[in-house]
C-alpha cells in the first residue's frame, strides 16, 4: 500500500459533494457560501476545498457582493454541461 503525502489527492475529478453543490446551484438563484455550508452541514475548510477545485476546473464562478463579506456562486456553461452528463449517468 502506498501512503499518500500530505496534500495529495486521488484522481477522482468530482465527488458526490461536488455534484451535489452543482445541483444546488442550479435549483436556487443566489447561493451564498455561508448558506451552502449550513445547508450541507460541512466544515468551512471542506467547503472551501470543494469550491476551489470547481473554480479551478471552471465549473462555477464566485462573485463577491460589494460592501459585504458575502460571495455568491454561479454555474458556468461548462458546469451545466458536466451536470447534464452526471444526470444521464447517475
Protein backbone atom coordinates (compact mmCIF):
# COMPACT_ATOMS: atom_id res chain seq x y z
CA UNK A 1 0.00 0.00 0.00
CA UNK A 2 1.33 3.41 -0.97
CA UNK A 3 0.93 6.14 1.59
CA UNK A 4 -0.16 9.49 0.20
CA UNK A 5 1.78 12.59 1.07
CA UNK A 6 0.05 15.50 2.74
CA UNK A 7 -1.89 17.49 0.15
CA UNK A 8 -2.06 14.64 -2.37
CA UNK A 9 -5.47 13.94 -3.85
CA UNK A 10 -6.95 10.96 -5.56
CA UNK A 11 -7.55 11.10 -9.31
CA UNK A 12 -11.31 11.49 -8.84
CA UNK A 13 -12.35 14.59 -10.77
CA UNK A 14 -15.62 15.28 -8.93
CA UNK A 15 -17.04 13.53 -5.90
CA UNK A 16 -20.61 13.30 -4.63
CA UNK A 17 -20.42 16.57 -2.68
CA UNK A 18 -19.18 18.42 -5.77
CA UNK A 19 -22.08 17.13 -7.85
CA UNK A 20 -24.50 17.96 -5.03
CA UNK A 21 -23.17 21.55 -4.93
CA UNK A 22 -23.63 21.88 -8.71
CA UNK A 23 -27.24 20.65 -8.39
CA UNK A 24 -27.99 23.06 -5.55
CA UNK A 25 -26.62 26.00 -7.55
CA UNK A 26 -28.97 25.17 -10.44
CA UNK A 27 -32.00 24.92 -8.15
CA UNK A 28 -31.51 28.19 -6.26
CA UNK A 29 -30.86 31.55 -7.92
CA UNK A 30 -28.43 33.03 -5.39
CA UNK A 31 -26.30 30.57 -3.45
CA UNK A 32 -24.20 32.16 -0.72
CA UNK A 33 -21.20 30.23 0.53
CA UNK A 34 -22.19 30.51 4.20
CA UNK A 35 -25.73 29.34 3.43
CA UNK A 36 -24.32 26.38 1.50
CA UNK A 37 -22.09 25.40 4.42
CA UNK A 38 -25.04 25.36 6.79
CA UNK A 39 -27.24 23.52 4.29
CA UNK A 40 -24.69 20.76 3.65
CA UNK A 41 -23.52 20.63 7.28
CA UNK A 42 -19.84 20.51 6.36
CA UNK A 43 -16.88 22.44 7.72
CA UNK A 44 -15.76 25.70 6.19
CA UNK A 45 -12.39 24.20 5.22
CA UNK A 46 -14.03 21.25 3.47
CA UNK A 47 -16.43 23.50 1.57
CA UNK A 48 -13.57 25.80 0.57
CA UNK A 49 -11.71 22.78 -0.86
CA UNK A 50 -14.73 21.76 -2.95
CA UNK A 51 -15.38 25.30 -4.17
CA UNK A 52 -11.73 25.99 -5.03
CA UNK A 53 -11.48 22.75 -7.01
CA UNK A 54 -14.61 23.59 -9.02
CA UNK A 55 -13.39 27.17 -9.56
CA UNK A 56 -10.09 25.83 -10.94
CA UNK A 57 -11.98 23.47 -13.25
CA UNK A 58 -14.15 26.38 -14.46
CA UNK A 59 -17.42 24.78 -13.38
CA UNK A 60 -18.55 27.65 -11.14
CA UNK A 61 -17.81 31.32 -10.58
CA UNK A 62 -17.68 33.19 -7.28
CA UNK A 63 -18.97 36.75 -7.27
CA UNK A 64 -18.32 38.94 -4.27
CA UNK A 65 -21.20 41.15 -3.18
CA UNK A 66 -19.94 44.74 -2.90
CA UNK A 67 -19.55 46.21 0.59
CA UNK A 68 -20.28 42.86 2.27
CA UNK A 69 -18.36 39.77 3.28
CA UNK A 70 -20.65 37.67 1.09
CA UNK A 71 -19.95 35.68 -2.06
CA UNK A 72 -22.44 34.14 -4.47
CA UNK A 73 -21.80 31.03 -6.53
CA UNK A 74 -22.98 30.68 -10.13
CA UNK A 75 -22.74 27.81 -12.58
CA UNK A 76 -20.76 28.28 -15.79
CA UNK A 77 -21.63 26.83 -19.17
CA UNK A 78 -19.08 24.05 -18.57
CA UNK A 79 -20.62 23.35 -15.17
CA UNK A 80 -24.04 22.92 -16.76
CA UNK A 81 -22.63 20.52 -19.33
CA UNK A 82 -20.86 18.42 -16.67
CA UNK A 83 -24.03 18.31 -14.59
CA UNK A 84 -26.01 17.23 -17.66
CA UNK A 85 -23.62 14.29 -18.09
CA UNK A 86 -23.90 13.29 -14.43
CA UNK A 87 -27.70 13.40 -14.60
CA UNK A 88 -27.62 10.94 -17.52
CA UNK A 89 -25.22 8.56 -15.81
CA UNK A 90 -26.35 8.69 -12.18
